[in-house]
Amino acid sequence: MSRWNCCTAFAVMMSVASAISVCAQQIPETAPRAIPISPTAAGPNDVARFLAGMPVPDNSPLAPLTRQPAWQQHASFFEEQFSKLTLRQLQKLHAWQQTDLPESLQPFPVVFYMFSGPDFLYADQLFPRAAVYVLCGKESMGPPPDPSRIANLAGALGNLENAMKSSLSTTYFITKDMKVDLHEQNLNGVLPILYAFIARADKSITNVTFGSLTSGGAFQEGARGGIPGVRFKYTDNQSGDSQAMYYFTTDISDGGIKATPGFLKFCQRLGAGASLLKSSSYLMFENGFATIRNFVLDHSQLIVQDDSGIPLTYFDPGKWSLRFFGVYLGPIELFKQHFQPRLQELFAQSNPPPVDFGFGYRWNYKEANLMVAQRK
């Protein structure tokens, strides 16, 4: 049985030109607000299911809203599109994983997904049994979603669909689609996306906590200032396991880490685990991202990435064993300066097995590449 809830969504395929026009991160215009949910409001799991187009309990405060045509159209759209996503992408990823990456199905204390934005989908799919996931990006969280306060439900749900369409039709987000308007309940920013993905991944949210990181790396609940973040606690409905996921709005360039060191200190407290790198704009090819590149190498037992992650040259053959999958055609045009001749040679020499699902900027499976690095 698929780990992904087959009652799921997908959107119209987008052209590569529009999909790559924005890099992996974008500076937030304003910090998110830590707004407490009133006692009469719907619980976080009901909110997540509502946003994901999934049924809520009959006694939920949101139940009346599910009878509105706007929500019913939204639910129908997500049902169809997530089902297509499962058939086109996720079932094939799972089959590959069972054969070629079974170690990713083992428990991990932590999974780091740098430059992720709100892409909980692939963190959960590739590492389903992690205790903690840490996601980050420059994308703002936006206000906590409260469907009962939405004046234009059709417009707000349409915003959510538009924000998610690139990740569902390719395999990554277009940052401008998540542009935040903090003055209206328009379901912008990363929070509604995270809620929807968690629900569609067949999880039950038990708690959502907003807060910020101190300079020493402590997550302070309800605090403002510092590095804003959110913690989701949830239960996997298939296994019954309790898991947690953090998202932080932060700059992880060398300069950003020096100015606000709390995020990396928070990550260091979690120890070593696994890492995922996908569609990361080749940022770790640049001198200005050496700190985060070294952190991933020092705190990972297993790294799954496409060619936009850590350059081949930084993997010490004495410390890492590498496996390749798919084909290496070089970066897409926008990042052509980061072509790796040695990586091309290794793909040619090893004749790696193909993949039949898209990954990263190469969302056409016939062009996709993966590299698995395992610490020796």
Protein backbone atom coordinates (compact mmCIF):
# COMPACT_ATOMS: atom_id res chain seq x y z
CA MET A 1 0.00 0.00 0.00
CA SER A 2 1.41 3.41 -0.99
CA ARG A 3 2.65 5.57 1.89
CA TRP A 4 1.13 8.53 0.12
CA ASN A 5 -2.61 8.85 0.64
CA CYS A 6 -3.98 8.02 -2.77
CA CYS A 7 -6.72 10.62 -2.28
CA THR A 8 -4.35 13.24 -3.58
CA ALA A 9 -3.55 16.43 -6.26
CA PHE A 10 -1.61 17.67 -9.22
CA ALA A 11 -1.80 20.63 -11.54
CA VAL A 12 -1.33 21.53 -15.18
CA MET A 13 2.18 20.87 -16.46
CA MET A 14 4.24 24.05 -16.65
CA SER A 15 6.92 24.90 -19.14
CA VAL A 16 10.54 24.68 -18.13
CA ALA A 17 11.06 28.32 -19.01
CA SER A 18 8.55 29.54 -16.48
CA ALA A 19 9.47 26.89 -13.95
CA ILE A 20 13.12 27.87 -13.77
CA SER A 21 12.70 31.61 -13.89
CA VAL A 22 13.02 31.90 -10.15
CA CYS A 23 15.83 30.57 -7.97
CA ALA A 24 15.27 28.38 -4.95
CA GLN A 25 15.01 31.23 -2.48
CA GLN A 26 13.53 34.70 -2.25
CA ILE A 27 13.99 37.28 0.47
CA PRO A 28 10.82 37.57 2.57
CA GLU A 29 9.14 40.94 2.62
CA THR A 30 8.17 40.74 6.26
CA ALA A 31 8.40 38.35 9.16
CA PRO A 32 5.45 36.04 9.82
CA ARG A 33 3.16 36.75 12.73
CA ALA A 34 2.82 34.34 15.62
CA ILE A 35 -0.97 34.39 15.90
CA PRO A 36 -2.48 32.11 18.53
CA ILE A 37 -5.48 30.08 17.47
CA SER A 38 -8.55 30.90 19.50
CA PRO A 39 -10.16 28.08 21.53
CA THR A 40 -13.22 28.13 19.29
CA ALA A 41 -11.21 27.73 16.12
CA ALA A 42 -10.80 24.44 14.31
CA GLY A 43 -7.91 22.25 15.36
CA PRO A 44 -4.80 22.09 13.18
CA ASN A 45 -5.63 18.67 11.77
CA ASP A 46 -9.07 19.83 10.64
CA VAL A 47 -7.44 22.88 9.04
CA ALA A 48 -4.93 20.67 7.25
CA ARG A 49 -7.60 18.32 5.92
CA PHE A 50 -9.78 21.24 4.82
CA LEU A 51 -6.91 22.85 2.90
CA ALA A 52 -5.96 19.49 1.39
CA GLY A 53 -9.49 18.98 0.11
CA MET A 54 -10.14 16.06 2.45
CA PRO A 55 -13.23 15.44 4.59
CA VAL A 56 -13.35 16.85 8.12
CA PRO A 57 -15.39 15.44 11.04
CA ASP A 58 -19.08 16.32 11.05
CA ASN A 59 -18.67 18.20 14.33
CA SER A 60 -15.75 20.28 13.06
CA PRO A 61 -16.25 24.07 12.92
CA LEU A 62 -15.12 23.76 9.30
CA ALA A 63 -17.73 21.20 8.32
CA PRO A 64 -20.25 23.84 7.09
CA LEU A 65 -17.59 25.31 4.80
CA THR A 66 -17.10 21.94 3.09
CA ARG A 67 -20.64 22.22 1.77
CA GLN A 68 -19.76 25.31 -0.22
CA PRO A 69 -19.22 24.78 -3.98
CA ALA A 70 -15.80 26.50 -3.77
CA TRP A 71 -14.45 23.91 -1.36
CA GLN A 72 -16.08 21.01 -3.18
CA GLN A 73 -14.48 22.09 -6.45
CA HIS A 74 -11.15 22.44 -4.65
CA ALA A 75 -11.50 18.96 -3.14
CA SER A 76 -12.36 17.44 -6.50
CA PHE A 77 -9.38 19.14 -8.12
CA PHE A 78 -6.93 17.95 -5.44
CA GLU A 79 -8.36 14.43 -5.44
CA GLU A 80 -7.76 14.12 -9.15
CA GLN A 81 -4.38 15.78 -9.27
CA PHE A 82 -2.80 14.08 -6.27
CA SER A 83 -3.99 10.76 -7.66
CA LYS A 84 -2.25 11.58 -10.92
CA LEU A 85 0.87 12.54 -8.99
CA THR A 86 0.84 9.20 -7.22
CA LEU A 87 0.53 7.22 -10.43
CA ARG A 88 2.97 9.31 -12.48
CA GLN A 89 5.62 9.93 -9.86
CA LEU A 90 5.33 8.58 -6.35
CA GLN A 91 4.56 4.92 -7.01
CA LYS A 92 7.56 4.76 -9.33
CA LEU A 93 9.76 6.51 -6.77
CA HIS A 94 8.67 3.95 -4.15
CA ALA A 95 9.46 1.02 -6.44
CA TRP A 96 12.92 2.44 -7.15
CA GLN A 97 13.42 3.05 -3.45
CA GLN A 98 12.58 -0.52 -2.49
CA THR A 99 15.12 -1.86 -4.98
CA ASP A 100 17.88 0.75 -5.05
CA LEU A 101 17.64 2.78 -1.85
CA PRO A 102 16.20 0.52 0.89
CA GLU A 103 18.40 2.21 3.51
CA SER A 104 16.26 5.36 3.17
CA LEU A 105 13.31 3.39 4.59
CA GLN A 106 15.09 2.91 7.91
CA PRO A 107 14.51 5.23 10.90
CA PHE A 108 16.65 8.36 11.02
CA PRO A 109 16.95 10.69 14.00
CA VAL A 110 16.84 13.70 11.70
CA VAL A 111 16.57 14.57 8.01
CA PHE A 112 17.97 17.91 6.87
CA TYR A 113 16.47 19.41 3.73
CA MET A 114 18.35 22.64 3.03
CA PHE A 115 16.95 25.09 0.43
CA SER A 116 13.72 23.09 0.60
CA GLY A 117 11.05 25.75 0.79
CA PRO A 118 7.81 23.98 1.78
CA ASP A 119 8.64 20.74 -0.06
CA PHE A 120 7.58 18.36 2.71
CA LEU A 121 6.35 15.98 0.03
CA TYR A 122 9.74 14.64 -1.08
CA ALA A 123 11.32 14.73 2.38
CA ASP A 124 8.54 12.45 3.62
CA GLN A 125 8.53 10.23 0.53
CA LEU A 126 12.27 9.62 0.48
CA PHE A 127 12.75 9.34 4.25
CA PRO A 128 9.38 8.24 5.64
CA ARG A 129 10.57 7.13 9.08
CA ALA A 130 12.57 10.12 10.29
CA ALA A 131 11.86 11.34 13.80
CA VAL A 132 12.49 14.99 12.89
CA TYR A 133 12.59 16.86 9.59
CA VAL A 134 14.22 20.26 9.26
CA LEU A 135 13.20 22.36 6.26
CA CYS A 136 14.25 25.91 5.51
CA GLY A 137 14.09 28.62 2.89
CA LYS A 138 13.80 32.34 2.46
CA GLU A 139 10.10 31.98 1.73
CA SER A 140 7.97 33.56 4.44
CA MET A 141 5.51 31.48 6.38
CA GLY A 142 2.60 33.88 6.15
CA PRO A 143 -0.21 34.03 8.70
CA PRO A 144 -1.49 30.82 10.26
CA PRO A 145 -4.32 29.69 8.00
CA ASP A 146 -7.80 30.13 9.47
CA PRO A 147 -10.42 29.06 6.92
CA SER A 148 -13.22 30.52 9.05
CA ARG A 149 -11.81 34.01 8.44
CA ILE A 150 -11.55 33.73 4.66
CA ALA A 151 -13.93 36.11 2.96
CA ASN A 152 -13.35 34.84 -0.59
CA LEU A 153 -13.02 31.09 -0.23
CA ALA A 154 -12.80 30.37 -3.96
CA GLY A 155 -10.05 32.93 -4.43
CA ALA A 156 -8.06 31.75 -1.42
CA LEU A 157 -8.22 28.08 -2.38
CA GLY A 158 -7.25 29.07 -5.91
CA ASN A 159 -4.18 30.81 -4.48
CA LEU A 160 -3.22 27.60 -2.71
CA GLU A 161 -3.64 25.54 -5.87
CA ASN A 162 -1.50 28.01 -7.82
CA ALA A 163 1.19 27.99 -5.15
CA MET A 164 1.42 24.20 -5.28
CA LYS A 165 1.01 23.61 -8.99
CA SER A 166 4.68 23.82 -9.92
CA SER A 167 5.77 21.33 -7.26
CA LEU A 168 3.03 18.91 -8.22
CA SER A 169 3.51 19.13 -11.96
CA THR A 170 7.31 19.31 -11.93
CA THR A 171 9.09 18.44 -8.67
CA TYR A 172 9.91 21.85 -7.21
CA PHE A 173 8.40 25.19 -6.23
CA ILE A 174 8.41 28.51 -8.01
CA THR A 175 9.03 31.00 -5.23
CA LYS A 176 6.98 33.84 -6.69
CA ASP A 177 3.88 31.63 -6.56
CA MET A 178 4.14 31.68 -2.76
CA LYS A 179 4.26 35.49 -2.43
CA VAL A 180 2.85 36.45 0.95
CA ASP A 181 0.09 38.97 1.64
CA LEU A 182 0.00 39.27 5.42
CA HIS A 183 -3.00 41.59 5.42
CA GLU A 184 -5.57 39.15 4.10
CA GLN A 185 -6.43 35.50 4.56
CA ASN A 186 -5.47 34.52 1.02
CA LEU A 187 -3.62 31.32 1.90
CA ASN A 188 -0.26 32.57 0.72
CA GLY A 189 3.18 31.70 2.05
CA VAL A 190 4.43 28.26 2.97
CA LEU A 191 2.16 27.42 5.91
CA PRO A 192 -0.96 26.41 3.94
CA ILE A 193 1.21 24.28 1.66
CA LEU A 194 2.80 22.49 4.61
CA TYR A 195 -0.62 21.85 6.17
CA ALA A 196 -1.95 20.42 2.91
CA PHE A 197 1.08 18.22 2.24
CA ILE A 198 1.02 16.77 5.77
CA ALA A 199 -2.64 15.85 5.47
CA ARG A 200 -2.19 14.34 2.01
CA ALA A 201 0.73 12.30 3.34
CA ASP A 202 -1.76 10.53 5.62
CA LYS A 203 -0.62 12.19 8.83
CA SER A 204 -2.72 13.51 11.70
CA ILE A 205 -1.44 16.81 13.09
CA THR A 206 -1.50 16.93 16.88
CA ASN A 207 0.14 20.31 17.47
CA VAL A 208 1.42 23.35 15.57
CA THR A 209 3.74 25.69 17.47
CA PHE A 210 5.06 29.02 16.23
CA GLY A 211 8.21 30.51 17.61
CA SER A 212 11.73 31.61 16.78
CA LEU A 213 15.31 30.53 17.22
CA THR A 214 17.65 32.31 19.59
CA SER A 215 21.21 33.06 18.54
CA GLY A 216 22.20 29.99 20.56
CA GLY A 217 19.92 27.70 18.56
CA ALA A 218 17.07 27.21 21.03
CA PHE A 219 13.50 27.10 19.66
CA GLN A 220 11.43 29.45 21.82
CA GLU A 221 7.72 28.82 21.57
CA GLY A 222 5.62 31.89 20.87
CA ALA A 223 8.63 34.18 20.72
CA ARG A 224 9.15 36.80 18.05
CA GLY A 225 12.44 38.08 16.76
CA GLY A 226 15.41 35.96 15.81
CA ILE A 227 14.76 33.35 13.12
CA PRO A 228 11.01 32.70 12.71
CA GLY A 229 9.89 29.11 12.55
CA VAL A 230 7.11 26.63 13.06
CA ARG A 231 7.01 23.10 14.49
CA PHE A 232 4.45 20.54 13.38
CA LYS A 233 3.92 17.46 15.51
CA TYR A 234 1.93 14.70 13.88
CA THR A 235 1.25 10.98 13.81
CA ASP A 236 1.76 8.80 10.77
CA ASN A 237 -1.58 7.09 10.33
CA GLN A 238 -0.08 3.94 8.79
CA SER A 239 2.67 3.24 11.31
CA GLY A 240 1.39 5.13 14.33
CA ASP A 241 4.81 6.78 14.69
CA SER A 242 5.03 10.27 16.17
CA GLN A 243 7.09 12.65 14.06
CA ALA A 244 7.96 16.34 13.95
CA MET A 245 8.81 18.79 11.20
CA TYR A 246 10.32 22.26 11.53
CA TYR A 247 10.31 25.00 8.91
CA PHE A 248 12.46 28.11 9.34
CA THR A 249 12.60 31.28 7.28
CA THR A 250 16.30 32.00 7.16
CA ASP A 251 19.28 32.85 4.97
CA ILE A 252 21.80 30.01 4.94
CA SER A 253 24.48 31.72 2.88
CA ASP A 254 27.79 32.21 4.70
CA GLY A 255 26.85 35.81 5.42
CA GLY A 256 23.37 34.88 6.59
CA ILE A 257 24.67 32.21 8.97
CA LYS A 258 27.25 34.61 10.37
CA ALA A 259 24.60 37.27 10.96
CA THR A 260 22.02 34.87 12.43
CA PRO A 261 23.80 31.72 13.64
CA GLY A 262 20.82 30.25 15.47
CA PHE A 263 19.63 27.99 12.66
CA LEU A 264 22.88 26.11 12.24
CA LYS A 265 23.28 25.78 16.00
CA PHE A 266 19.76 24.36 16.19
CA CYS A 267 20.65 21.82 13.52
CA GLN A 268 23.90 20.90 15.25
CA ARG A 269 21.96 20.02 18.39
CA LEU A 270 20.06 17.37 16.41
CA GLY A 271 23.22 15.44 15.55
CA ALA A 272 23.79 13.46 12.35
CA GLY A 273 21.17 11.91 10.08
CA ALA A 274 20.30 12.03 6.40
CA SER A 275 20.09 14.93 3.94
CA LEU A 276 18.07 15.68 0.84
CA LEU A 277 19.17 18.25 -1.74
CA LYS A 278 16.97 18.96 -4.74
CA SER A 279 16.51 21.95 -7.06
CA SER A 280 18.84 24.00 -4.88
CA SER A 281 19.92 26.43 -7.63
CA TYR A 282 23.51 25.12 -7.52
CA LEU A 283 24.08 27.44 -4.58
CA MET A 284 26.60 25.12 -2.92
CA PHE A 285 28.78 25.48 -6.01
CA GLU A 286 29.37 29.06 -4.86
CA ASN A 287 32.02 30.23 -2.40
CA GLY A 288 29.34 31.99 -0.38
CA PHE A 289 27.72 28.72 0.74
CA ALA A 290 30.72 26.80 2.09
CA THR A 291 29.41 26.74 5.68
CA ILE A 292 26.15 24.99 4.91
CA ARG A 293 27.86 22.67 2.42
CA ASN A 294 30.33 21.57 5.08
CA PHE A 295 27.55 21.15 7.62
CA VAL A 296 25.65 18.76 5.35
CA LEU A 297 28.80 16.74 4.67
CA ASP A 298 29.70 16.58 8.37
CA HIS A 299 26.21 15.74 9.69
CA SER A 300 24.95 13.21 7.14
CA GLN A 301 25.28 9.45 6.96
CA LEU A 302 23.29 9.41 3.74
CA ILE A 303 22.76 12.15 1.14
CA VAL A 304 20.27 11.94 -1.71
CA GLN A 305 20.61 14.72 -4.26
CA ASP A 306 20.43 15.79 -7.87
CA ASP A 307 23.36 17.49 -9.55
CA SER A 308 22.29 20.90 -8.17
CA GLY A 309 23.32 19.86 -4.65
CA ILE A 310 26.91 19.41 -3.45
CA PRO A 311 29.48 19.33 -6.28
CA LEU A 312 31.19 16.00 -6.85
CA THR A 313 34.59 17.42 -5.97
CA TYR A 314 33.65 17.84 -2.29
CA PHE A 315 32.94 14.14 -1.76
CA ASP A 316 36.15 12.59 -0.42
CA PRO A 317 36.42 9.07 -1.95
CA GLY A 318 37.95 7.90 1.30
CA LYS A 319 34.83 8.87 3.24
CA TRP A 320 31.96 8.41 0.78
CA SER A 321 30.68 5.72 -1.54
CA LEU A 322 28.68 7.12 -4.45
CA ARG A 323 25.92 5.59 -6.56
CA PHE A 324 24.38 7.16 -9.64
CA PHE A 325 20.98 6.82 -11.28
CA GLY A 326 19.43 8.14 -14.46
CA VAL A 327 21.38 10.28 -16.92
CA TYR A 328 23.55 13.35 -16.51
CA LEU A 329 22.88 15.87 -19.25
CA GLY A 330 24.39 18.79 -17.38
CA PRO A 331 22.52 21.67 -15.75
CA ILE A 332 19.56 23.33 -17.39
CA GLU A 333 20.38 26.45 -19.39
CA LEU A 334 19.94 28.84 -16.47
CA PHE A 335 22.77 27.12 -14.56
CA LYS A 336 24.93 25.89 -17.45
CA GLN A 337 28.08 27.35 -15.86
CA HIS A 338 27.93 24.55 -13.26
CA PHE A 339 28.49 21.67 -15.66
CA GLN A 340 30.65 18.93 -14.08
CA PRO A 341 32.84 17.09 -16.63
CA ARG A 342 33.99 14.54 -14.03
CA LEU A 343 30.39 13.73 -13.12
CA GLN A 344 29.65 13.18 -16.80
CA GLU A 345 32.59 10.75 -16.95
CA LEU A 346 31.36 8.80 -13.92
CA PHE A 347 27.87 8.48 -15.34
CA ALA A 348 29.33 7.22 -18.61
CA GLN A 349 31.66 4.73 -16.88
CA SER A 350 29.13 3.32 -14.43
CA ASN A 351 26.21 3.02 -16.87
CA PRO A 352 23.74 3.74 -14.04
CA PRO A 353 20.26 2.22 -13.96
CA PRO A 354 17.51 4.50 -15.30
CA VAL A 355 14.84 6.18 -13.22
CA ASP A 356 11.24 6.44 -14.36
CA PHE A 357 10.28 9.46 -12.27
CA GLY A 358 11.33 13.10 -12.47
CA PHE A 359 13.64 14.68 -9.92
CA GLY A 360 14.74 18.27 -9.45
CA TYR A 361 14.97 20.61 -12.41
CA ARG A 362 14.96 17.61 -14.72
CA TRP A 363 11.31 16.81 -14.07
CA ASN A 364 11.13 14.78 -17.28
CA TYR A 365 12.18 11.33 -16.06
CA LYS A 366 14.13 10.67 -19.26
CA GLU A 367 16.51 13.49 -18.28
CA ALA A 368 16.60 13.04 -14.50
CA ASN A 369 19.64 12.22 -12.41
CA LEU A 370 20.16 11.18 -8.81
CA MET A 371 23.26 10.67 -6.73
CA VAL A 372 23.28 8.73 -3.47
CA ALA A 373 26.25 9.34 -1.17
CA GLN A 374 26.71 6.96 1.74
CA ARG A 375 29.30 7.49 4.43
CA LYS A 376 31.81 4.65 4.61
